[in-house]
Each structure stands twice: as structure tokens, then as C-alpha cells.
Amino acid sequence: MKFKNKAQAKRLTGLTYLGSVSKTVKHAKSIKYGELTYSLYLAPGKTSGYEVCPGRTVECSKFCLNESGMNSMVRNDRGDIINQSRIKKTKLFFEEREFFMNWLIFEINSGITRAKKMGLKFSVRLNNTSDISPEEFQLNGKNILEMFPDVTFYDYTKVNGRVELLKHYPNYNLTYSYTGYNLTECQKMLMNRINVAVVFKNVPEEFMGYKVINGDKNDLRYRDEKGVIIGLLYKRVRTKLKPNIKFVVQ
């Protein structure tokens, strides 16, 4: 397939869009901070047939936030259409990379234009329900970070080696995620002033001797001070909170 324009892409795929700009509850918060955020949601884990979360654990697969928020509300009224859409987008990424990338670039450029007209800053989060290296988002030998050097991209990751990208791309920000099994790695990250996200049943002011900041106030992680823990309150999905969820600090 060859991408020509948005109308043609919608016609060919049956999708309305790949990503959205500050439409989700989480990213709508960025507007009051003077920013628009482009966000992409793919099908997590291997639910599409393609692995997009190489660092996932059994617990994070079972209690993935993919099943919360708008997805949960829409499912009650209209069925599983959001998950099906995310699966279709993920397959498009792996099977029609050139088409996907041209569409993605078009949407990001549209978001940049919109932000400028509104007098706002613009940022991008490609992995809301995935953990794919931004270097894989590439077209004609250039990755997405290289294509938009003046745009800030940010992610959470459970992949240890992903932090190496920070040395090469000044427009990329990364927050490492606690899984319940990687405490030593988390401590190393914090010592190197790389922030660590931790999910709590009740968010404290301090944890492991490090300051905890409220990560639910907004999603703009690249604005956070360095060497701190990003405290996130556990969001219940389809299953109630149980004591054996390793990544939730009780």
C-alpha cells in the first residue's frame, strides 16, 4: 500500500486515525500546561500476533492499563472496538511499515501545525500501550527522532538497554518502570539520574530514600526533575487489586 492522504488511508484500512492529539483523559491534561501531546496506542504484549512489549512480566500483561479508561467505557456501550482498532494499527506497523510511517508523519505534522496556531508546545508519546524502540519507527533510513529533532518524544520502558538511546537523541526522554522484579536496575537508574515509575496502592512522599512526585497530575514526564520516583496510583482494570501483583507497592 502507498499512503496518499488521510481520506485514502481511512478508506483502505477502515481506521479513523493512528494517533490522537490531547484527546485521551491523560493527555488532555497537558493543555493546561501549555502543551498538546500526540499519543499512539497499539495492541499491547502479543495480542496482535506481534510482540510490542519485550520487557513485560506476567503481572503487567494481566493488569495492563490497555483495559482501563476510555477502552473500558466504550466496551460497555459498543463492544471491543478499541482493542480491535489497536490490533489493526499494530499489524499495519509490522506489515505495512512504509504506509504506517507516512501516515504517522502526516499526523505528527498536523499536530505541530495545530499547536503553533494555538500558541502551545508539542510533544509525542508513541508507546502508550507498547514498548517499541523509537528507532524502529523509521522510513528511508531515518527514524522518527531524527525526522523531528525539534519535537520532544517521551516514553516509559521496561527494557534496560533502551536508556542507551538517551546518549544519542537529545529530543528523547525516558522513564524506567519498576516491574516488581527489577529493583536493582531501578536503583542503578536512579543513581544515574534516570527517573523510575512505580505504581503504588497509596502514593507516598518518599520511597527507597528518593523523593516521589505525583505522576498522575500530568503525563509530561520530560518536564520532571531528575533522579526521582514517579508515583502512579494503581488503576483497577478488569480484575480487583490482589496482594500478589508484584509491580504494585502496597
C-alpha atoms as a PDB file:
ATOM      1  CA  MET A   1       0.000   0.000   0.000  1.00  0.00           C
ATOM      2  CA  LYS A   2       1.050   3.574  -0.649  1.00  0.00           C
ATOM      3  CA  PHE A   3      -0.068   6.411   1.599  1.00  0.00           C
ATOM      4  CA  LYS A   4      -1.530   9.333  -0.363  1.00  0.00           C
ATOM      5  CA  ASN A   5      -3.689  11.245   2.097  1.00  0.00           C
ATOM      6  CA  LYS A   6      -5.759  10.732   5.226  1.00  0.00           C
ATOM      7  CA  ALA A   7      -9.017  10.100   3.375  1.00  0.00           C
ATOM      8  CA  GLN A   8      -7.397   7.389   1.267  1.00  0.00           C
ATOM      9  CA  ALA A   9      -5.752   5.822   4.356  1.00  0.00           C
ATOM     10  CA  LYS A  10      -9.079   5.673   6.180  1.00  0.00           C
ATOM     11  CA  ARG A  11     -10.712   4.111   3.138  1.00  0.00           C
ATOM     12  CA  LEU A  12      -8.019   1.449   2.742  1.00  0.00           C
ATOM     13  CA  THR A  13      -7.735   0.467   6.402  1.00  0.00           C
ATOM     14  CA  GLY A  14     -11.113   1.186   7.946  1.00  0.00           C
ATOM     15  CA  LEU A  15      -9.286   3.145  10.643  1.00  0.00           C
ATOM     16  CA  THR A  16     -10.223   6.725  11.503  1.00  0.00           C
ATOM     17  CA  TYR A  17      -6.713   7.659  12.670  1.00  0.00           C
ATOM     18  CA  LEU A  18      -3.453   6.204  14.002  1.00  0.00           C
ATOM     19  CA  GLY A  19      -2.999   8.546  16.962  1.00  0.00           C
ATOM     20  CA  SER A  20      -4.748  11.477  18.555  1.00  0.00           C
ATOM     21  CA  VAL A  21      -3.742  14.881  19.908  1.00  0.00           C
ATOM     22  CA  SER A  22      -4.656  15.524  23.565  1.00  0.00           C
ATOM     23  CA  LYS A  23      -7.957  13.625  23.279  1.00  0.00           C
ATOM     24  CA  THR A  24      -7.488  10.985  25.972  1.00  0.00           C
ATOM     25  CA  VAL A  25      -8.170  11.920  29.595  1.00  0.00           C
ATOM     26  CA  LYS A  26      -4.471  11.513  30.389  1.00  0.00           C
ATOM     27  CA  HIS A  27      -3.169  13.696  27.581  1.00  0.00           C
ATOM     28  CA  ALA A  28      -5.934  16.297  27.725  1.00  0.00           C
ATOM     29  CA  LYS A  29      -4.311  17.381  30.993  1.00  0.00           C
ATOM     30  CA  SER A  30      -1.300  18.633  29.023  1.00  0.00           C
ATOM     31  CA  ILE A  31      -3.331  21.528  27.596  1.00  0.00           C
ATOM     32  CA  LYS A  32      -3.445  23.357  30.919  1.00  0.00           C
ATOM     33  CA  TYR A  33       0.345  23.072  30.985  1.00  0.00           C
ATOM     34  CA  GLY A  34       0.551  24.827  27.617  1.00  0.00           C
ATOM     35  CA  GLU A  35       1.093  21.752  25.505  1.00  0.00           C
ATOM     36  CA  LEU A  36      -0.528  19.422  23.006  1.00  0.00           C
ATOM     37  CA  THR A  37       0.537  15.775  23.056  1.00  0.00           C
ATOM     38  CA  TYR A  38       0.261  13.333  20.169  1.00  0.00           C
ATOM     39  CA  SER A  39      -0.340   9.826  21.530  1.00  0.00           C
ATOM     40  CA  LEU A  40      -0.303   6.442  19.837  1.00  0.00           C
ATOM     41  CA  TYR A  41      -1.990   3.359  21.301  1.00  0.00           C
ATOM     42  CA  LEU A  42      -1.064  -0.042  19.884  1.00  0.00           C
ATOM     43  CA  ALA A  43      -2.206  -3.515  20.957  1.00  0.00           C
ATOM     44  CA  PRO A  44      -0.069  -4.479  23.988  1.00  0.00           C
ATOM     45  CA  GLY A  45       2.023  -7.586  24.537  1.00  0.00           C
ATOM     46  CA  LYS A  46       1.463 -10.076  21.736  1.00  0.00           C
ATOM     47  CA  THR A  47      -2.294  -9.593  21.417  1.00  0.00           C
ATOM     48  CA  SER A  48      -1.886  -8.615  17.755  1.00  0.00           C
ATOM     49  CA  GLY A  49       0.364 -11.580  16.992  1.00  0.00           C
ATOM     50  CA  TYR A  50       3.406  -9.291  17.163  1.00  0.00           C
ATOM     51  CA  GLU A  51       5.367  -8.656  20.371  1.00  0.00           C
ATOM     52  CA  VAL A  52       5.474  -4.957  21.284  1.00  0.00           C
ATOM     53  CA  CYS A  53       6.374  -5.233  24.989  1.00  0.00           C
ATOM     54  CA  PRO A  54       9.658  -7.196  25.183  1.00  0.00           C
ATOM     55  CA  GLY A  55      10.183  -6.387  28.876  1.00  0.00           C
ATOM     56  CA  ARG A  56       6.718  -7.351  30.099  1.00  0.00           C
ATOM     57  CA  THR A  57       6.010  -9.624  33.043  1.00  0.00           C
ATOM     58  CA  VAL A  58       3.090 -11.952  33.736  1.00  0.00           C
ATOM     59  CA  GLU A  59       1.566  -9.350  36.075  1.00  0.00           C
ATOM     60  CA  CYS A  60       1.807  -6.365  33.760  1.00  0.00           C
ATOM     61  CA  SER A  61       0.344  -8.449  30.936  1.00  0.00           C
ATOM     62  CA  LYS A  62      -2.629  -9.436  33.094  1.00  0.00           C
ATOM     63  CA  PHE A  63      -3.252  -5.987  34.586  1.00  0.00           C
ATOM     64  CA  CYS A  64      -2.292  -3.840  31.592  1.00  0.00           C
ATOM     65  CA  LEU A  65      -3.815  -0.346  31.523  1.00  0.00           C
ATOM     66  CA  ASN A  66      -4.940  -1.134  27.995  1.00  0.00           C
ATOM     67  CA  GLU A  67      -8.109  -2.395  29.683  1.00  0.00           C
ATOM     68  CA  SER A  68      -8.798   0.800  31.638  1.00  0.00           C
ATOM     69  CA  GLY A  69     -10.127   4.291  30.955  1.00  0.00           C
ATOM     70  CA  MET A  70     -11.895   5.011  27.680  1.00  0.00           C
ATOM     71  CA  ASN A  71     -11.411   1.431  26.466  1.00  0.00           C
ATOM     72  CA  SER A  72     -13.410   0.107  29.400  1.00  0.00           C
ATOM     73  CA  MET A  73     -16.182   2.693  28.993  1.00  0.00           C
ATOM     74  CA  VAL A  74     -16.557   2.183  25.234  1.00  0.00           C
ATOM     75  CA  ARG A  75     -16.582  -1.612  25.593  1.00  0.00           C
ATOM     76  CA  ASN A  76     -19.660  -1.429  27.796  1.00  0.00           C
ATOM     77  CA  ASP A  77     -21.593   0.506  25.127  1.00  0.00           C
ATOM     78  CA  ARG A  78     -20.133  -0.550  21.777  1.00  0.00           C
ATOM     79  CA  GLY A  79     -18.171  -3.742  22.320  1.00  0.00           C
ATOM     80  CA  ASP A  80     -14.450  -4.371  21.886  1.00  0.00           C
ATOM     81  CA  ILE A  81     -13.926  -1.893  19.032  1.00  0.00           C
ATOM     82  CA  ILE A  82     -10.952  -0.076  20.587  1.00  0.00           C
ATOM     83  CA  ASN A  83      -8.915  -3.256  21.084  1.00  0.00           C
ATOM     84  CA  GLN A  84      -9.737  -4.362  17.542  1.00  0.00           C
ATOM     85  CA  SER A  85      -8.616  -0.978  16.225  1.00  0.00           C
ATOM     86  CA  ARG A  86      -5.337  -1.199  18.158  1.00  0.00           C
ATOM     87  CA  ILE A  87      -4.691  -4.685  16.789  1.00  0.00           C
ATOM     88  CA  LYS A  88      -5.264  -3.412  13.253  1.00  0.00           C
ATOM     89  CA  LYS A  89      -2.840  -0.490  13.801  1.00  0.00           C
ATOM     90  CA  THR A  90      -0.187  -2.814  15.221  1.00  0.00           C
ATOM     91  CA  LYS A  91      -0.431  -5.176  12.266  1.00  0.00           C
ATOM     92  CA  LEU A  92      -0.173  -2.169   9.971  1.00  0.00           C
ATOM     93  CA  PHE A  93       3.047  -1.131  11.740  1.00  0.00           C
ATOM     94  CA  PHE A  94       4.664  -4.531  11.238  1.00  0.00           C
ATOM     95  CA  GLU A  95       3.220  -5.484   7.855  1.00  0.00           C
ATOM     96  CA  GLU A  96       2.972  -2.130   6.039  1.00  0.00           C
ATOM     97  CA  ARG A  97       5.734  -0.088   7.703  1.00  0.00           C
ATOM     98  CA  GLU A  98       6.147   2.469   4.906  1.00  0.00           C
ATOM     99  CA  PHE A  99       2.401   3.151   4.763  1.00  0.00           C
ATOM    100  CA  PHE A 100       2.180   3.353   8.552  1.00  0.00           C
ATOM    101  CA  MET A 101       5.135   5.722   8.821  1.00  0.00           C
ATOM    102  CA  ASN A 102       3.879   8.096   6.135  1.00  0.00           C
ATOM    103  CA  TRP A 103       0.527   8.285   7.886  1.00  0.00           C
ATOM    104  CA  LEU A 104       2.218   8.797  11.267  1.00  0.00           C
ATOM    105  CA  ILE A 105       4.407  11.588   9.890  1.00  0.00           C
ATOM    106  CA  PHE A 106       1.344  13.255   8.379  1.00  0.00           C
ATOM    107  CA  GLU A 107      -0.463  13.176  11.746  1.00  0.00           C
ATOM    108  CA  ILE A 108       2.529  14.495  13.693  1.00  0.00           C
ATOM    109  CA  ASN A 109       2.978  17.354  11.214  1.00  0.00           C
ATOM    110  CA  SER A 110      -0.725  18.166  11.559  1.00  0.00           C
ATOM    111  CA  GLY A 111      -0.317  18.220  15.334  1.00  0.00           C
ATOM    112  CA  ILE A 112       2.672  20.553  15.103  1.00  0.00           C
ATOM    113  CA  THR A 113       0.693  22.944  12.913  1.00  0.00           C
ATOM    114  CA  ARG A 114      -2.267  22.878  15.295  1.00  0.00           C
ATOM    115  CA  ALA A 115      -0.043  23.540  18.322  1.00  0.00           C
ATOM    116  CA  LYS A 116       1.595  26.524  16.603  1.00  0.00           C
ATOM    117  CA  LYS A 117      -1.790  28.043  15.762  1.00  0.00           C
ATOM    118  CA  MET A 118      -2.851  27.674  19.399  1.00  0.00           C
ATOM    119  CA  GLY A 119       0.438  29.036  20.715  1.00  0.00           C
ATOM    120  CA  LEU A 120       1.208  25.775  22.511  1.00  0.00           C
ATOM    121  CA  LYS A 121       4.204  23.448  22.713  1.00  0.00           C
ATOM    122  CA  PHE A 122       4.024  19.997  21.153  1.00  0.00           C
ATOM    123  CA  SER A 123       5.247  16.577  22.295  1.00  0.00           C
ATOM    124  CA  VAL A 124       4.836  12.953  21.209  1.00  0.00           C
ATOM    125  CA  ARG A 125       4.367   9.698  23.113  1.00  0.00           C
ATOM    126  CA  LEU A 126       4.452   6.729  20.733  1.00  0.00           C
ATOM    127  CA  ASN A 127       4.251   3.984  23.364  1.00  0.00           C
ATOM    128  CA  ASN A 128       1.142   4.339  25.496  1.00  0.00           C
ATOM    129  CA  THR A 129       0.312   0.636  25.462  1.00  0.00           C
ATOM    130  CA  SER A 130       3.505  -0.673  23.867  1.00  0.00           C
ATOM    131  CA  ASP A 131       7.277  -0.555  24.413  1.00  0.00           C
ATOM    132  CA  ILE A 132       8.812  -0.344  20.945  1.00  0.00           C
ATOM    133  CA  SER A 133      12.124   1.413  20.411  1.00  0.00           C
ATOM    134  CA  PRO A 134      11.619   4.735  18.573  1.00  0.00           C
ATOM    135  CA  GLU A 135      14.442   3.653  16.292  1.00  0.00           C
ATOM    136  CA  GLU A 136      12.046   1.077  14.812  1.00  0.00           C
ATOM    137  CA  PHE A 137       9.744   3.889  13.709  1.00  0.00           C
ATOM    138  CA  GLN A 138      11.768   4.595  10.611  1.00  0.00           C
ATOM    139  CA  LEU A 139      11.380   5.464   6.961  1.00  0.00           C
ATOM    140  CA  ASN A 140      14.029   5.722   4.250  1.00  0.00           C
ATOM    141  CA  GLY A 141      16.857   5.137   6.707  1.00  0.00           C
ATOM    142  CA  LYS A 142      15.788   7.794   9.236  1.00  0.00           C
ATOM    143  CA  ASN A 143      13.982   7.153  12.498  1.00  0.00           C
ATOM    144  CA  ILE A 144      11.220   9.311  13.903  1.00  0.00           C
ATOM    145  CA  LEU A 145      13.525  11.065  16.397  1.00  0.00           C
ATOM    146  CA  GLU A 146      15.793  12.141  13.563  1.00  0.00           C
ATOM    147  CA  MET A 147      12.876  13.300  11.437  1.00  0.00           C
ATOM    148  CA  PHE A 148      11.587  15.654  14.139  1.00  0.00           C
ATOM    149  CA  PRO A 149      14.675  16.901  16.044  1.00  0.00           C
ATOM    150  CA  ASP A 150      12.760  19.889  17.444  1.00  0.00           C
ATOM    151  CA  VAL A 151       9.940  17.781  18.899  1.00  0.00           C
ATOM    152  CA  THR A 152      10.234  16.111  22.314  1.00  0.00           C
ATOM    153  CA  PHE A 153       9.390  12.401  22.343  1.00  0.00           C
ATOM    154  CA  TYR A 154       8.953  10.578  25.646  1.00  0.00           C
ATOM    155  CA  ASP A 155       8.291   7.034  26.816  1.00  0.00           C
ATOM    156  CA  TYR A 156       8.133   4.677  29.758  1.00  0.00           C
ATOM    157  CA  THR A 157      10.095   1.439  29.321  1.00  0.00           C
ATOM    158  CA  LYS A 158      10.823  -1.883  30.990  1.00  0.00           C
ATOM    159  CA  VAL A 159      13.703  -2.570  28.583  1.00  0.00           C
ATOM    160  CA  ASN A 160      17.037  -1.965  30.338  1.00  0.00           C
ATOM    161  CA  GLY A 161      19.072  -1.192  27.233  1.00  0.00           C
ATOM    162  CA  ARG A 162      16.624   1.396  25.942  1.00  0.00           C
ATOM    163  CA  VAL A 163      18.248   4.082  28.113  1.00  0.00           C
ATOM    164  CA  GLU A 164      21.279   3.988  25.784  1.00  0.00           C
ATOM    165  CA  LEU A 165      19.204   6.000  23.308  1.00  0.00           C
ATOM    166  CA  LEU A 166      19.340   8.971  25.659  1.00  0.00           C
ATOM    167  CA  LYS A 167      23.023   9.376  24.769  1.00  0.00           C
ATOM    168  CA  HIS A 168      22.234   9.796  21.083  1.00  0.00           C
ATOM    169  CA  TYR A 169      18.936  11.681  20.906  1.00  0.00           C
ATOM    170  CA  PRO A 170      18.592  14.936  22.897  1.00  0.00           C
ATOM    171  CA  ASN A 171      14.885  15.130  21.959  1.00  0.00           C
ATOM    172  CA  TYR A 172      14.097  11.797  23.644  1.00  0.00           C
ATOM    173  CA  ASN A 173      13.101  11.355  27.304  1.00  0.00           C
ATOM    174  CA  LEU A 174      12.691   8.026  29.052  1.00  0.00           C
ATOM    175  CA  THR A 175      11.257   6.922  32.382  1.00  0.00           C
ATOM    176  CA  TYR A 176      12.198   3.429  33.538  1.00  0.00           C
ATOM    177  CA  SER A 177       9.416   1.273  35.025  1.00  0.00           C
ATOM    178  CA  TYR A 178       9.500  -0.853  38.167  1.00  0.00           C
ATOM    179  CA  THR A 179       8.161  -4.371  37.477  1.00  0.00           C
ATOM    180  CA  GLY A 180       8.469  -5.977  40.912  1.00  0.00           C
ATOM    181  CA  TYR A 181      11.491  -7.937  39.711  1.00  0.00           C
ATOM    182  CA  ASN A 182      13.970  -5.216  38.704  1.00  0.00           C
ATOM    183  CA  LEU A 183      14.685  -3.367  41.955  1.00  0.00           C
ATOM    184  CA  THR A 184      18.464  -3.457  41.439  1.00  0.00           C
ATOM    185  CA  GLU A 185      18.125  -1.993  37.942  1.00  0.00           C
ATOM    186  CA  CYS A 186      15.784   0.704  39.282  1.00  0.00           C
ATOM    187  CA  GLN A 187      18.333   1.710  41.913  1.00  0.00           C
ATOM    188  CA  LYS A 188      21.039   1.950  39.237  1.00  0.00           C
ATOM    189  CA  MET A 189      18.780   4.128  37.081  1.00  0.00           C
ATOM    190  CA  LEU A 190      18.069   6.480  39.964  1.00  0.00           C
ATOM    191  CA  MET A 191      21.781   6.723  40.799  1.00  0.00           C
ATOM    192  CA  ASN A 192      22.319   7.805  37.182  1.00  0.00           C
ATOM    193  CA  ARG A 193      19.506  10.380  37.480  1.00  0.00           C
ATOM    194  CA  ILE A 194      17.099   8.450  35.280  1.00  0.00           C
ATOM    195  CA  ASN A 195      13.619   8.589  36.750  1.00  0.00           C
ATOM    196  CA  VAL A 196      11.751   5.446  37.727  1.00  0.00           C
ATOM    197  CA  ALA A 197       7.984   4.979  37.626  1.00  0.00           C
ATOM    198  CA  VAL A 198       6.490   2.986  40.496  1.00  0.00           C
ATOM    199  CA  VAL A 199       2.836   2.008  40.902  1.00  0.00           C
ATOM    200  CA  PHE A 200       1.561   2.370  44.475  1.00  0.00           C
ATOM    201  CA  LYS A 201      -1.630   1.444  46.254  1.00  0.00           C
ATOM    202  CA  ASN A 202      -1.166   4.772  48.069  1.00  0.00           C
ATOM    203  CA  VAL A 203       1.425   7.199  46.708  1.00  0.00           C
ATOM    204  CA  PRO A 204       3.953   8.254  49.405  1.00  0.00           C
ATOM    205  CA  GLU A 205       6.168  11.336  49.511  1.00  0.00           C
ATOM    206  CA  GLU A 206       9.345   9.230  49.625  1.00  0.00           C
ATOM    207  CA  PHE A 207      10.328   5.686  48.666  1.00  0.00           C
ATOM    208  CA  MET A 208      13.691   3.890  48.941  1.00  0.00           C
ATOM    209  CA  GLY A 209      15.190   7.166  50.111  1.00  0.00           C
ATOM    210  CA  TYR A 210      14.139   9.016  46.936  1.00  0.00           C
ATOM    211  CA  LYS A 211      11.605  11.786  46.505  1.00  0.00           C
ATOM    212  CA  VAL A 212       8.304  10.694  44.956  1.00  0.00           C
ATOM    213  CA  ILE A 213       6.422  13.070  42.675  1.00  0.00           C
ATOM    214  CA  ASN A 214       2.818  12.608  41.576  1.00  0.00           C
ATOM    215  CA  GLY A 215       2.884  11.227  38.032  1.00  0.00           C
ATOM    216  CA  ASP A 216      -0.897  11.374  37.692  1.00  0.00           C
ATOM    217  CA  LYS A 217      -1.072  15.175  37.640  1.00  0.00           C
ATOM    218  CA  ASN A 218       0.072  15.119  34.024  1.00  0.00           C
ATOM    219  CA  ASP A 219       1.872  12.810  31.620  1.00  0.00           C
ATOM    220  CA  LEU A 220       4.633  15.241  30.646  1.00  0.00           C
ATOM    221  CA  ARG A 221       7.474  13.148  32.040  1.00  0.00           C
ATOM    222  CA  TYR A 222      10.264  15.045  30.321  1.00  0.00           C
ATOM    223  CA  ARG A 223       9.418  18.082  32.470  1.00  0.00           C
ATOM    224  CA  ASP A 224      10.108  16.210  35.719  1.00  0.00           C
ATOM    225  CA  GLU A 225      13.154  16.888  37.859  1.00  0.00           C
ATOM    226  CA  LYS A 226      15.873  14.224  37.572  1.00  0.00           C
ATOM    227  CA  GLY A 227      16.648  11.370  39.929  1.00  0.00           C
ATOM    228  CA  VAL A 228      13.152  10.999  41.384  1.00  0.00           C
ATOM    229  CA  ILE A 229      10.480   8.334  41.519  1.00  0.00           C
ATOM    230  CA  ILE A 230       7.321   8.940  39.519  1.00  0.00           C
ATOM    231  CA  GLY A 231       4.481   7.753  41.739  1.00  0.00           C
ATOM    232  CA  LEU A 232       1.464   6.372  39.918  1.00  0.00           C
ATOM    233  CA  LEU A 233      -1.705   5.296  41.681  1.00  0.00           C
ATOM    234  CA  TYR A 234      -2.879   1.784  40.807  1.00  0.00           C
ATOM    235  CA  LYS A 235      -5.804   1.911  38.380  1.00  0.00           C
ATOM    236  CA  ARG A 236      -8.116  -1.066  38.634  1.00  0.00           C
ATOM    237  CA  VAL A 237      -8.801  -2.786  35.334  1.00  0.00           C
ATOM    238  CA  ARG A 238     -10.937  -5.901  34.865  1.00  0.00           C
ATOM    239  CA  THR A 239      -9.637  -7.583  37.999  1.00  0.00           C
ATOM    240  CA  LYS A 240      -9.599  -6.285  41.557  1.00  0.00           C
ATOM    241  CA  LEU A 241      -6.275  -5.481  43.223  1.00  0.00           C
ATOM    242  CA  LYS A 242      -4.688  -8.558  44.798  1.00  0.00           C
ATOM    243  CA  PRO A 243      -1.676  -8.644  47.151  1.00  0.00           C
ATOM    244  CA  ASN A 244       0.394 -10.711  44.698  1.00  0.00           C
ATOM    245  CA  ILE A 245       0.630  -8.056  41.967  1.00  0.00           C
ATOM    246  CA  LYS A 246       4.407  -7.660  42.030  1.00  0.00           C
ATOM    247  CA  PHE A 247       4.585  -4.229  40.409  1.00  0.00           C
ATOM    248  CA  VAL A 248       2.171  -2.564  42.862  1.00  0.00           C
ATOM    249  CA  VAL A 249       3.861  -1.356  46.050  1.00  0.00           C
ATOM    250  CA  GLN A 250       1.438  -1.931  48.915  1.00  0.00           C
END
